[in-house]
C-alpha atoms as a PDB file:
ATOM      1  CA  MET A   1      -4.133  14.127 -39.561  1.00  0.00           C
ATOM      2  CA  GLN A   2      -3.647  10.431 -38.954  1.00  0.00           C
ATOM      3  CA  TYR A   3      -2.407   8.973 -35.684  1.00  0.00           C
ATOM      4  CA  ASN A   4      -0.026   6.013 -35.621  1.00  0.00           C
ATOM      5  CA  GLN A   5      -1.439   3.925 -32.762  1.00  0.00           C
ATOM      6  CA  ASP A   6       1.730   1.858 -32.800  1.00  0.00           C
ATOM      7  CA  SER A   7       3.974   4.855 -32.031  1.00  0.00           C
ATOM      8  CA  LYS A   8       5.735   5.214 -28.701  1.00  0.00           C
ATOM      9  CA  PHE A   9       3.909   8.440 -27.964  1.00  0.00           C
ATOM     10  CA  TRP A  10       0.497   6.943 -28.579  1.00  0.00           C
ATOM     11  CA  HIS A  11       1.365   3.947 -26.398  1.00  0.00           C
ATOM     12  CA  PHE A  12       2.591   6.263 -23.661  1.00  0.00           C
ATOM     13  CA  ALA A  13      -0.477   8.480 -23.878  1.00  0.00           C
ATOM     14  CA  THR A  14      -2.773   5.444 -23.721  1.00  0.00           C
ATOM     15  CA  LEU A  15      -0.861   4.097 -20.701  1.00  0.00           C
ATOM     16  CA  VAL A  16      -1.177   7.423 -18.866  1.00  0.00           C
ATOM     17  CA  ALA A  17      -4.938   7.562 -19.609  1.00  0.00           C
ATOM     18  CA  ASP A  18      -5.332   3.977 -18.305  1.00  0.00           C
ATOM     19  CA  PHE A  19      -3.373   4.877 -15.181  1.00  0.00           C
ATOM     20  CA  ILE A  20      -5.687   7.829 -14.531  1.00  0.00           C
ATOM     21  CA  LEU A  21      -8.761   5.648 -14.942  1.00  0.00           C
ATOM     22  CA  LEU A  22      -7.224   2.957 -12.771  1.00  0.00           C
ATOM     23  CA  ASN A  23      -6.370   5.476 -10.087  1.00  0.00           C
ATOM     24  CA  LEU A  24      -9.924   6.911 -10.171  1.00  0.00           C
ATOM     25  CA  LEU A  25     -11.473   3.433  -9.913  1.00  0.00           C
ATOM     26  CA  PHE A  26      -9.250   2.636  -6.979  1.00  0.00           C
ATOM     27  CA  ILE A  27     -10.215   5.818  -5.127  1.00  0.00           C
ATOM     28  CA  VAL A  28     -13.935   5.167  -5.678  1.00  0.00           C
ATOM     29  CA  LEU A  29     -13.666   1.577  -4.417  1.00  0.00           C
ATOM     30  CA  CYS A  30     -11.835   2.851  -1.305  1.00  0.00           C
ATOM     31  CA  ILE A  31     -14.705   5.081  -0.254  1.00  0.00           C
ATOM     32  CA  PRO A  32     -16.334   2.223   1.691  1.00  0.00           C
ATOM     33  CA  VAL A  33     -13.570   1.629   4.216  1.00  0.00           C
ATOM     34  CA  VAL A  34     -14.094  -2.158   4.259  1.00  0.00           C
ATOM     35  CA  THR A  35     -13.291  -2.496   0.560  1.00  0.00           C
ATOM     36  CA  ILE A  36      -9.916  -0.714   0.820  1.00  0.00           C
ATOM     37  CA  GLY A  37      -8.228  -4.116   1.233  1.00  0.00           C
ATOM     38  CA  PRO A  38      -9.599  -5.705  -1.950  1.00  0.00           C
ATOM     39  CA  ALA A  39      -8.890  -2.458  -3.804  1.00  0.00           C
ATOM     40  CA  ILE A  40      -5.205  -2.420  -2.677  1.00  0.00           C
ATOM     41  CA  SER A  41      -4.913  -6.093  -3.626  1.00  0.00           C
ATOM     42  CA  ALA A  42      -6.364  -5.508  -7.054  1.00  0.00           C
ATOM     43  CA  LEU A  43      -4.157  -2.413  -7.648  1.00  0.00           C
ATOM     44  CA  ILE A  44      -1.008  -4.304  -6.723  1.00  0.00           C
ATOM     45  CA  HIS A  45      -2.024  -7.240  -8.910  1.00  0.00           C
ATOM     46  CA  THR A  46      -2.709  -5.031 -11.908  1.00  0.00           C
ATOM     47  CA  THR A  47       0.444  -2.908 -11.669  1.00  0.00           C
ATOM     48  CA  LEU A  48       2.534  -6.012 -11.072  1.00  0.00           C
ATOM     49  CA  LYS A  49       1.218  -7.607 -14.238  1.00  0.00           C
ATOM     50  CA  LEU A  50       1.812  -4.305 -16.095  1.00  0.00           C
ATOM     51  CA  SER A  51       5.415  -4.243 -15.015  1.00  0.00           C
ATOM     52  CA  GLU A  52       5.806  -7.637 -16.656  1.00  0.00           C
ATOM     53  CA  ASP A  53       3.898  -6.776 -19.838  1.00  0.00           C
ATOM     54  CA  GLU A  54       3.415  -3.107 -20.798  1.00  0.00           C
ATOM     55  CA  ASN A  55       0.837  -3.995 -23.450  1.00  0.00           C
ATOM     56  CA  ARG A  56      -1.687  -5.276 -20.929  1.00  0.00           C
ATOM     57  CA  THR A  57      -4.987  -3.587 -20.286  1.00  0.00           C
ATOM     58  CA  LEU A  58      -5.574  -2.325 -16.739  1.00  0.00           C
ATOM     59  CA  ILE A  59      -9.228  -1.836 -15.856  1.00  0.00           C
ATOM     60  CA  LYS A  60     -10.604  -5.324 -16.540  1.00  0.00           C
ATOM     61  CA  PRO A  61      -7.812  -7.213 -14.676  1.00  0.00           C
ATOM     62  CA  PHE A  62      -8.218  -4.797 -11.770  1.00  0.00           C
ATOM     63  CA  TRP A  63     -11.985  -5.354 -11.589  1.00  0.00           C
ATOM     64  CA  ASN A  64     -11.651  -9.156 -11.878  1.00  0.00           C
ATOM     65  CA  GLU A  65      -9.045  -9.265  -9.090  1.00  0.00           C
ATOM     66  CA  PHE A  66     -11.139  -6.948  -6.900  1.00  0.00           C
ATOM     67  CA  LYS A  67     -14.126  -9.308  -7.047  1.00  0.00           C
ATOM     68  CA  ARG A  68     -12.065 -12.484  -6.660  1.00  0.00           C
ATOM     69  CA  ASP A  69     -12.183 -13.895  -3.111  1.00  0.00           C
ATOM     70  CA  ILE A  70     -13.422 -10.498  -1.899  1.00  0.00           C
ATOM     71  CA  THR A  71     -14.736 -11.719   1.439  1.00  0.00           C
ATOM     72  CA  LYS A  72     -11.329 -13.069   2.450  1.00  0.00           C
ATOM     73  CA  LYS A  73      -9.666  -9.874   1.457  1.00  0.00           C
ATOM     74  CA  ILE A  74     -12.141  -7.833   3.452  1.00  0.00           C
ATOM     75  CA  LEU A  75     -11.569  -9.964   6.531  1.00  0.00           C
ATOM     76  CA  LEU A  76      -7.800  -9.733   6.123  1.00  0.00           C
ATOM     77  CA  TRP A  77      -8.047  -5.934   5.746  1.00  0.00           C
ATOM     78  CA  ILE A  78     -10.199  -5.728   8.942  1.00  0.00           C
ATOM     79  CA  VAL A  79      -7.450  -7.575  10.831  1.00  0.00           C
ATOM     80  CA  TYR A  80      -4.798  -5.144   9.653  1.00  0.00           C
ATOM     81  CA  LEU A  81      -7.143  -2.211  10.298  1.00  0.00           C
ATOM     82  CA  ILE A  82      -7.530  -3.296  13.943  1.00  0.00           C
ATOM     83  CA  LEU A  83      -3.751  -3.583  14.299  1.00  0.00           C
ATOM     84  CA  LEU A  84      -3.265  -0.156  12.700  1.00  0.00           C
ATOM     85  CA  ALA A  85      -5.876   1.422  14.920  1.00  0.00           C
ATOM     86  CA  ALA A  86      -4.212  -0.091  18.035  1.00  0.00           C
ATOM     87  CA  MET A  87      -0.817   1.327  16.996  1.00  0.00           C
ATOM     88  CA  VAL A  88      -2.254   4.771  16.291  1.00  0.00           C
ATOM     89  CA  TYR A  89      -3.923   4.730  19.712  1.00  0.00           C
ATOM     90  CA  MET A  90      -0.684   3.655  21.417  1.00  0.00           C
ATOM     91  CA  ALA A  91       1.374   6.288  19.569  1.00  0.00           C
ATOM     92  CA  GLN A  92      -1.092   9.033  20.583  1.00  0.00           C
ATOM     93  CA  PHE A  93      -1.189   7.793  24.143  1.00  0.00           C
ATOM     94  CA  TYR A  94       2.594   7.772  24.582  1.00  0.00           C
ATOM     95  CA  TRP A  95       2.931  11.144  22.824  1.00  0.00           C
ATOM     96  CA  LYS A  96       0.512  12.700  25.364  1.00  0.00           C
ATOM     97  CA  PHE A  97       2.279  10.854  28.158  1.00  0.00           C
ATOM     98  CA  ALA A  98       5.646  12.297  27.116  1.00  0.00           C
ATOM     99  CA  ASN A  99       4.239  15.822  26.871  1.00  0.00           C
ATOM    100  CA  ASN A 100       2.529  15.646  30.298  1.00  0.00           C
ATOM    101  CA  ASN A 101       5.592  14.488  32.227  1.00  0.00           C
ATOM    102  CA  VAL A 102       9.113  15.687  32.872  1.00  0.00           C
ATOM    103  CA  ASP A 103      12.640  14.330  32.938  1.00  0.00           C
ATOM    104  CA  LEU A 104      12.877  10.507  32.941  1.00  0.00           C
ATOM    105  CA  LEU A 105       9.178   9.868  32.402  1.00  0.00           C
ATOM    106  CA  ARG A 106       9.208  12.250  29.391  1.00  0.00           C
ATOM    107  CA  ILE A 107      12.142  10.360  27.900  1.00  0.00           C
ATOM    108  CA  ILE A 108      10.489   6.974  28.472  1.00  0.00           C
ATOM    109  CA  GLY A 109       7.230   8.282  27.005  1.00  0.00           C
ATOM    110  CA  PHE A 110       8.996   9.621  23.908  1.00  0.00           C
ATOM    111  CA  MET A 111      10.879   6.368  23.387  1.00  0.00           C
ATOM    112  CA  LEU A 112       7.628   4.381  23.609  1.00  0.00           C
ATOM    113  CA  PHE A 113       6.018   6.804  21.158  1.00  0.00           C
ATOM    114  CA  VAL A 114       8.855   6.267  18.642  1.00  0.00           C
ATOM    115  CA  LEU A 115       8.559   2.478  19.130  1.00  0.00           C
ATOM    116  CA  SER A 116       4.798   2.614  18.542  1.00  0.00           C
ATOM    117  CA  ALA A 117       5.277   4.787  15.461  1.00  0.00           C
ATOM    118  CA  LEU A 118       7.808   2.338  14.073  1.00  0.00           C
ATOM    119  CA  ILE A 119       5.494  -0.612  14.643  1.00  0.00           C
ATOM    120  CA  LEU A 120       2.745   1.390  12.930  1.00  0.00           C
ATOM    121  CA  VAL A 121       4.898   1.860   9.829  1.00  0.00           C
ATOM    122  CA  VAL A 122       5.924  -1.819   9.874  1.00  0.00           C
ATOM    123  CA  THR A 123       2.245  -2.786  10.119  1.00  0.00           C
ATOM    124  CA  ILE A 124       1.367  -0.583   7.129  1.00  0.00           C
ATOM    125  CA  VAL A 125       4.078  -2.268   5.062  1.00  0.00           C
ATOM    126  CA  ALA A 126       2.962  -5.710   6.339  1.00  0.00           C
ATOM    127  CA  SER A 127      -0.635  -4.941   5.269  1.00  0.00           C
ATOM    128  CA  ILE A 128       0.482  -4.132   1.731  1.00  0.00           C
ATOM    129  CA  ILE A 129       2.517  -7.362   1.577  1.00  0.00           C
ATOM    130  CA  GLY A 130      -0.302  -9.431   3.020  1.00  0.00           C
ATOM    131  CA  LEU A 131      -2.899  -8.026   0.614  1.00  0.00           C
ATOM    132  CA  ALA A 132      -0.472  -8.567  -2.268  1.00  0.00           C
ATOM    133  CA  MET A 133      -0.071 -12.216  -1.338  1.00  0.00           C
ATOM    134  CA  THR A 134      -3.810 -12.803  -1.739  1.00  0.00           C
ATOM    135  CA  THR A 135      -3.327 -12.294  -5.468  1.00  0.00           C
ATOM    136  CA  ARG A 136      -1.175 -15.435  -5.754  1.00  0.00           C
ATOM    137  CA  TYR A 137      -1.485 -17.596  -2.694  1.00  0.00           C
ATOM    138  CA  PHE A 138      -4.548 -19.286  -1.164  1.00  0.00           C
ATOM    139  CA  SER A 139      -3.422 -19.175   2.453  1.00  0.00           C
ATOM    140  CA  PRO A 140      -5.515 -18.754   5.612  1.00  0.00           C
ATOM    141  CA  ILE A 141      -5.782 -15.272   7.024  1.00  0.00           C
ATOM    142  CA  LYS A 142      -3.668 -16.073  10.050  1.00  0.00           C
ATOM    143  CA  ARG A 143      -0.817 -17.340   7.879  1.00  0.00           C
ATOM    144  CA  LEU A 144      -1.020 -14.305   5.564  1.00  0.00           C
ATOM    145  CA  VAL A 145      -0.694 -11.955   8.517  1.00  0.00           C
ATOM    146  CA  LYS A 146       2.164 -13.956   9.991  1.00  0.00           C
ATOM    147  CA  ASN A 147       4.058 -14.257   6.746  1.00  0.00           C
ATOM    148  CA  SER A 148       3.613 -10.566   5.947  1.00  0.00           C
ATOM    149  CA  TYR A 149       5.616  -9.711   9.101  1.00  0.00           C
ATOM    150  CA  LEU A 150       8.150 -12.508   8.571  1.00  0.00           C
ATOM    151  CA  LEU A 151       8.883 -11.255   5.043  1.00  0.00           C
ATOM    152  CA  ILE A 152       9.825  -7.874   6.456  1.00  0.00           C
ATOM    153  CA  ILE A 153      12.453  -9.603   8.621  1.00  0.00           C
ATOM    154  CA  VAL A 154      13.653 -11.737   5.706  1.00  0.00           C
ATOM    155  CA  LEU A 155      13.889  -8.812   3.289  1.00  0.00           C
ATOM    156  CA  PRO A 156      14.492  -5.751   5.495  1.00  0.00           C
ATOM    157  CA  ILE A 157      16.020  -3.595   2.779  1.00  0.00           C
ATOM    158  CA  GLN A 158      13.035  -3.980   0.465  1.00  0.00           C
ATOM    159  CA  ALA A 159      10.678  -3.361   3.401  1.00  0.00           C
ATOM    160  CA  PHE A 160      12.687  -0.272   4.381  1.00  0.00           C
ATOM    161  CA  ILE A 161      12.445   1.141   0.850  1.00  0.00           C
ATOM    162  CA  MET A 162       8.731   0.633   0.820  1.00  0.00           C
ATOM    163  CA  ALA A 163       8.372   2.221   4.272  1.00  0.00           C
ATOM    164  CA  ALA A 164      10.612   5.184   3.266  1.00  0.00           C
ATOM    165  CA  VAL A 165       8.469   5.860   0.178  1.00  0.00           C
ATOM    166  CA  LEU A 166       5.271   5.771   2.219  1.00  0.00           C
ATOM    167  CA  VAL A 167       6.682   8.017   4.960  1.00  0.00           C
ATOM    168  CA  ALA A 168       8.092  10.451   2.428  1.00  0.00           C
ATOM    169  CA  SER A 169       4.737  10.631   0.651  1.00  0.00           C
ATOM    170  CA  THR A 170       3.040  11.323   3.987  1.00  0.00           C
ATOM    171  CA  LEU A 171       5.529  14.124   4.895  1.00  0.00           C
ATOM    172  CA  PHE A 172       5.162  15.706   1.456  1.00  0.00           C
ATOM    173  CA  PHE A 173       1.400  15.585   1.916  1.00  0.00           C
ATOM    174  CA  ILE A 174       1.607  17.361   5.299  1.00  0.00           C
ATOM    175  CA  TYR A 175       3.831  20.178   4.012  1.00  0.00           C
ATOM    176  CA  GLN A 176       2.612  20.421   0.384  1.00  0.00           C
ATOM    177  CA  THR A 177      -0.984  19.318   0.777  1.00  0.00           C
ATOM    178  CA  VAL A 178      -2.545  20.728  -2.418  1.00  0.00           C
ATOM    179  CA  PRO A 179       0.024  19.528  -5.002  1.00  0.00           C
ATOM    180  CA  VAL A 180       0.468  16.118  -3.449  1.00  0.00           C
ATOM    181  CA  LEU A 181      -3.270  15.644  -3.021  1.00  0.00           C
ATOM    182  CA  SER A 182      -3.778  16.635  -6.664  1.00  0.00           C
ATOM    183  CA  PHE A 183      -1.110  14.161  -7.750  1.00  0.00           C
ATOM    184  CA  PHE A 184      -2.678  11.279  -5.810  1.00  0.00           C
ATOM    185  CA  LEU A 185      -6.207  12.118  -7.001  1.00  0.00           C
ATOM    186  CA  VAL A 186      -5.056  11.981 -10.624  1.00  0.00           C
ATOM    187  CA  ILE A 187      -2.488   9.194 -10.811  1.00  0.00           C
ATOM    188  CA  GLY A 188      -0.565   8.892  -7.531  1.00  0.00           C
ATOM    189  CA  PHE A 189      -1.952   5.665  -6.049  1.00  0.00           C
ATOM    190  CA  ALA A 190      -1.480   3.733  -9.314  1.00  0.00           C
ATOM    191  CA  ALA A 191       2.051   5.190  -9.784  1.00  0.00           C
ATOM    192  CA  LEU A 192       2.949   4.270  -6.197  1.00  0.00           C
ATOM    193  CA  ALA A 193       1.713   0.682  -6.607  1.00  0.00           C
ATOM    194  CA  TYR A 194       3.671   0.437  -9.914  1.00  0.00           C
ATOM    195  CA  SER A 195       6.870   1.607  -8.171  1.00  0.00           C
ATOM    196  CA  PHE A 196       6.366  -1.124  -5.547  1.00  0.00           C
ATOM    197  CA  ALA A 197       6.072  -3.849  -8.238  1.00  0.00           C
ATOM    198  CA  PRO A 198       9.778  -4.903  -8.152  1.00  0.00           C
ATOM    199  CA  LEU A 199       9.714  -4.996  -4.360  1.00  0.00           C
ATOM    200  CA  VAL A 200       6.538  -7.086  -4.250  1.00  0.00           C
ATOM    201  CA  ARG A 201       8.064  -9.497  -6.754  1.00  0.00           C
ATOM    202  CA  GLU A 202      11.058  -9.979  -4.476  1.00  0.00           C
ATOM    203  CA  PHE A 203       8.789 -10.647  -1.553  1.00  0.00           C
ATOM    204  CA  PHE A 204       6.959 -13.297  -3.591  1.00  0.00           C
ATOM    205  CA  THR A 205      10.230 -15.136  -4.246  1.00  0.00           C
ATOM    206  CA  LYS A 206      10.543 -15.783  -0.516  1.00  0.00           C
ATOM    207  CA  VAL A 207       7.049 -17.154   0.000  1.00  0.00           C
ATOM    208  CA  LYS A 208       6.880 -20.935   0.295  1.00  0.00           C
END
């Protein structure tokens, strides 16, 4: 039996195999926490290029982007990691505050918890945008962080869609841990990054 490597099925099968390898490489490079930033940046870069040209290879561009300017990406990721840790701490603090008080103080504590949780989600989206910008723009870390938050204000709908997908994925993981975990271990992270490609492209149009 001969296989037609130009057929749509063969092209699709090859693409799925590349996605699985890309996803696996991403997971491995995320094991050291400090390299999560460069790995996210490289994954976004690769899937963004793929959305523009489906005939592109995936592994080599991913690896090249991961290595490029890696020190800056690590430092940028550490900044976001500190911000994320602060928001997680604040959310936990206000949640406990709300549960340990009554009446007005409980309401205030719950409102502050919701606010902290919202800022946490916004910061997660901002970190994705900021790391994505490192693939195209040679800006200082301070400007990247600032612009990542400003872009959320400029394009709130796109930011909301990205946040909704991330929150939905998290909720599905909580209630359906095994199937969702299996999906992300096989192809999920690469598929998620690919789904973000049109949104990332729109964010890039607003960067000056």
